[in-house]
C-alpha atoms as a PDB file:
ATOM      1  CA  MET A   1      11.075  30.738 -22.140  1.00  0.00           C
ATOM      2  CA  PRO A   2       7.928  29.800 -23.578  1.00  0.00           C
ATOM      3  CA  ALA A   3       9.510  27.397 -26.044  1.00  0.00           C
ATOM      4  CA  ASP A   4      11.191  25.147 -23.524  1.00  0.00           C
ATOM      5  CA  TYR A   5       7.623  23.856 -22.806  1.00  0.00           C
ATOM      6  CA  ILE A   6       6.511  22.749 -26.351  1.00  0.00           C
ATOM      7  CA  PRO A   7       7.556  18.516 -25.986  1.00  0.00           C
ATOM      8  CA  ILE A   8       5.767  18.625 -22.332  1.00  0.00           C
ATOM      9  CA  VAL A   9       2.972  20.371 -24.414  1.00  0.00           C
ATOM     10  CA  MET A  10       2.776  18.097 -26.845  1.00  0.00           C
ATOM     11  CA  LEU A  11       3.337  15.022 -24.810  1.00  0.00           C
ATOM     12  CA  ILE A  12       0.514  15.541 -22.829  1.00  0.00           C
ATOM     13  CA  ALA A  13      -1.463  16.430 -25.975  1.00  0.00           C
ATOM     14  CA  ILE A  14      -0.326  13.002 -26.870  1.00  0.00           C
ATOM     15  CA  ALA A  15      -1.588  11.496 -24.210  1.00  0.00           C
ATOM     16  CA  THR A  16      -4.590  13.202 -23.528  1.00  0.00           C
ATOM     17  CA  PHE A  17      -5.978  11.791 -27.300  1.00  0.00           C
ATOM     18  CA  PHE A  18      -4.968   8.310 -26.533  1.00  0.00           C
ATOM     19  CA  ALA A  19      -6.128   7.890 -23.452  1.00  0.00           C
ATOM     20  CA  ALA A  20      -9.536   9.439 -24.797  1.00  0.00           C
ATOM     21  CA  VAL A  21      -9.311   6.903 -27.996  1.00  0.00           C
ATOM     22  CA  ALA A  22      -8.843   4.045 -24.777  1.00  0.00           C
ATOM     23  CA  LEU A  23     -11.756   4.921 -23.511  1.00  0.00           C
ATOM     24  CA  VAL A  24     -14.581   5.465 -26.850  1.00  0.00           C
ATOM     25  CA  VAL A  25     -13.261   3.322 -29.376  1.00  0.00           C
ATOM     26  CA  PRO A  26     -14.040   0.380 -26.924  1.00  0.00           C
ATOM     27  CA  SER A  27     -17.380   2.112 -25.784  1.00  0.00           C
ATOM     28  CA  LEU A  28     -18.827   2.285 -29.454  1.00  0.00           C
ATOM     29  CA  LEU A  29     -17.131  -0.988 -31.214  1.00  0.00           C
ATOM     30  CA  GLY A  30     -17.448  -3.169 -28.043  1.00  0.00           C
ATOM     31  CA  PRO A  31     -20.511  -5.964 -28.394  1.00  0.00           C
ATOM     32  CA  ARG A  32     -23.297  -5.061 -25.721  1.00  0.00           C
ATOM     33  CA  LYS A  33     -24.689  -7.877 -24.746  1.00  0.00           C
ATOM     34  CA  PRO A  34     -26.647  -7.818 -20.877  1.00  0.00           C
ATOM     35  CA  ASN A  35     -26.811 -10.755 -19.408  1.00  0.00           C
ATOM     36  CA  PRO A  36     -27.909 -11.164 -15.526  1.00  0.00           C
ATOM     37  CA  ALA A  37     -25.043 -13.199 -14.764  1.00  0.00           C
ATOM     38  CA  LYS A  38     -22.656 -10.208 -15.541  1.00  0.00           C
ATOM     39  CA  SER A  39     -24.694  -8.040 -14.238  1.00  0.00           C
ATOM     40  CA  GLU A  40     -24.603  -9.772 -10.606  1.00  0.00           C
ATOM     41  CA  ILE A  41     -21.981  -8.419  -7.640  1.00  0.00           C
ATOM     42  CA  TYR A  42     -18.771 -10.264  -7.332  1.00  0.00           C
ATOM     43  CA  GLU A  43     -15.570  -9.966  -4.997  1.00  0.00           C
ATOM     44  CA  SER A  44     -13.099 -11.634  -6.061  1.00  0.00           C
ATOM     45  CA  GLY A  45     -14.092 -14.120  -8.378  1.00  0.00           C
ATOM     46  CA  LYS A  46     -16.524 -15.100  -5.565  1.00  0.00           C
ATOM     47  CA  LEU A  47     -20.428 -14.278  -4.793  1.00  0.00           C
ATOM     48  CA  PRO A  48     -20.517 -12.278  -1.733  1.00  0.00           C
ATOM     49  CA  ILE A  49     -21.615 -13.169   1.762  1.00  0.00           C
ATOM     50  CA  GLY A  50     -23.387 -11.203   4.431  1.00  0.00           C
ATOM     51  CA  LYS A  51     -24.183  -7.782   4.046  1.00  0.00           C
ATOM     52  CA  ALA A  52     -20.994  -5.175   2.386  1.00  0.00           C
ATOM     53  CA  ARG A  53     -21.383  -2.778   5.286  1.00  0.00           C
ATOM     54  CA  ARG A  54     -20.523  -4.958   7.962  1.00  0.00           C
ATOM     55  CA  ARG A  55     -17.792  -3.628  11.242  1.00  0.00           C
ATOM     56  CA  LEU A  56     -14.537  -4.765  11.730  1.00  0.00           C
ATOM     57  CA  HIS A  57     -12.830  -4.943  14.581  1.00  0.00           C
ATOM     58  CA  VAL A  58     -10.394  -2.272  16.084  1.00  0.00           C
ATOM     59  CA  GLN A  59      -7.874  -5.040  16.508  1.00  0.00           C
ATOM     60  CA  TYR A  60      -7.713  -5.243  12.245  1.00  0.00           C
ATOM     61  CA  TYR A  61      -6.411  -1.347  11.876  1.00  0.00           C
ATOM     62  CA  ARG A  62      -4.668  -1.845  14.757  1.00  0.00           C
ATOM     63  CA  ILE A  63      -2.392  -4.564  13.101  1.00  0.00           C
ATOM     64  CA  ALA A  64      -2.344  -2.991  10.066  1.00  0.00           C
ATOM     65  CA  MET A  65      -1.542   0.532  11.606  1.00  0.00           C
ATOM     66  CA  LEU A  66       1.801  -1.147  13.262  1.00  0.00           C
ATOM     67  CA  PHE A  67       2.841  -3.491   9.968  1.00  0.00           C
ATOM     68  CA  ILE A  68       2.750   0.003   7.998  1.00  0.00           C
ATOM     69  CA  LEU A  69       4.621   1.684  10.866  1.00  0.00           C
ATOM     70  CA  PHE A  70       7.188  -0.888  11.389  1.00  0.00           C
ATOM     71  CA  ASP A  71       7.480  -1.574   7.635  1.00  0.00           C
ATOM     72  CA  ILE A  72       8.462   1.957   6.619  1.00  0.00           C
ATOM     73  CA  GLU A  73      10.972   1.661   9.170  1.00  0.00           C
ATOM     74  CA  VAL A  74      13.045  -1.345   8.464  1.00  0.00           C
ATOM     75  CA  VAL A  75      12.647   0.551   4.273  1.00  0.00           C
ATOM     76  CA  PHE A  76      15.144   2.667   5.767  1.00  0.00           C
ATOM     77  CA  LEU A  77      17.240   0.173   6.224  1.00  0.00           C
ATOM     78  CA  TYR A  78      17.915  -0.058   2.444  1.00  0.00           C
ATOM     79  CA  PRO A  79      19.402   3.314   1.934  1.00  0.00           C
ATOM     80  CA  TRP A  80      21.767   2.845   4.650  1.00  0.00           C
ATOM     81  CA  ALA A  81      23.455  -0.482   3.766  1.00  0.00           C
ATOM     82  CA  VAL A  82      24.040   0.892   0.102  1.00  0.00           C
ATOM     83  CA  VAL A  83      26.363   3.640   1.434  1.00  0.00           C
ATOM     84  CA  PHE A  84      27.502   1.509   4.665  1.00  0.00           C
ATOM     85  CA  ARG A  85      31.411   1.864   3.689  1.00  0.00           C
ATOM     86  CA  LYS A  86      31.023   5.289   3.505  1.00  0.00           C
ATOM     87  CA  LEU A  87      29.731   5.998   7.030  1.00  0.00           C
ATOM     88  CA  LYS A  88      32.065   3.243   8.193  1.00  0.00           C
ATOM     89  CA  VAL A  89      31.843   3.150  12.188  1.00  0.00           C
ATOM     90  CA  PHE A  90      29.478   6.321  12.284  1.00  0.00           C
ATOM     91  CA  GLY A  91      26.928   4.861  10.051  1.00  0.00           C
ATOM     92  CA  LEU A  92      27.235   1.491  12.074  1.00  0.00           C
ATOM     93  CA  ILE A  93      26.546   3.215  15.252  1.00  0.00           C
ATOM     94  CA  GLU A  94      23.533   5.296  14.338  1.00  0.00           C
ATOM     95  CA  MET A  95      21.858   2.730  12.525  1.00  0.00           C
ATOM     96  CA  ALA A  96      22.291   0.646  15.713  1.00  0.00           C
ATOM     97  CA  VAL A  97      20.012   3.256  17.976  1.00  0.00           C
ATOM     98  CA  PHE A  98      17.581   3.435  15.405  1.00  0.00           C
ATOM     99  CA  LEU A  99      17.447  -0.798  15.225  1.00  0.00           C
ATOM    100  CA  ALA A 100      17.391  -0.128  19.183  1.00  0.00           C
ATOM    101  CA  ILE A 101      14.682   2.495  18.876  1.00  0.00           C
ATOM    102  CA  LEU A 102      12.573   0.032  16.610  1.00  0.00           C
ATOM    103  CA  LEU A 103      13.230  -2.831  18.790  1.00  0.00           C
ATOM    104  CA  VAL A 104      12.083  -0.866  21.741  1.00  0.00           C
ATOM    105  CA  GLY A 105       8.741  -0.096  20.127  1.00  0.00           C
ATOM    106  CA  TYR A 106       8.224  -3.030  19.219  1.00  0.00           C
ATOM    107  CA  VAL A 107       8.771  -4.627  22.514  1.00  0.00           C
ATOM    108  CA  TYR A 108       6.386  -2.156  23.674  1.00  0.00           C
ATOM    109  CA  VAL A 109       3.900  -2.784  21.316  1.00  0.00           C
ATOM    110  CA  TRP A 110       4.278  -6.244  21.897  1.00  0.00           C
ATOM    111  CA  ARG A 111       4.159  -6.204  25.607  1.00  0.00           C
ATOM    112  CA  LYS A 112       1.065  -4.040  25.723  1.00  0.00           C
ATOM    113  CA  GLY A 113      -0.812  -6.927  23.600  1.00  0.00           C
ATOM    114  CA  ALA A 114      -1.476  -5.109  20.497  1.00  0.00           C
ATOM    115  CA  LEU A 115      -0.449  -7.866  18.048  1.00  0.00           C
ATOM    116  CA  GLU A 116      -2.840 -10.410  20.165  1.00  0.00           C
ATOM    117  CA  TRP A 117      -6.342 -11.422  18.150  1.00  0.00           C
ATOM    118  CA  ASP A 118      -8.645 -12.443  19.767  1.00  0.00           C
END
């Protein structure tokens, strides 16, 4: 039984070796030319404007959570589409119920004004 784990241990050892080499070799052989421009902070290639610790509106988090919620729900449509022919009418009815629940949630969120950005 322990002999079965030898390939896994070898794979872990080889991966660890390559990771260590990839981290150590550039630090030893790479050029070191400090420059004030290199040490300056940037965000996405642009100089930052304002403080980094500014507060965001709650609305931003609400929109993000709703996006994640509805996005994950829509992901369930793909497996259903793959086995659609095997499920026949029962699968169609179940997916219609699922989409109806999803639509009711979406309309509820829309009516509550959670998608409005003030």
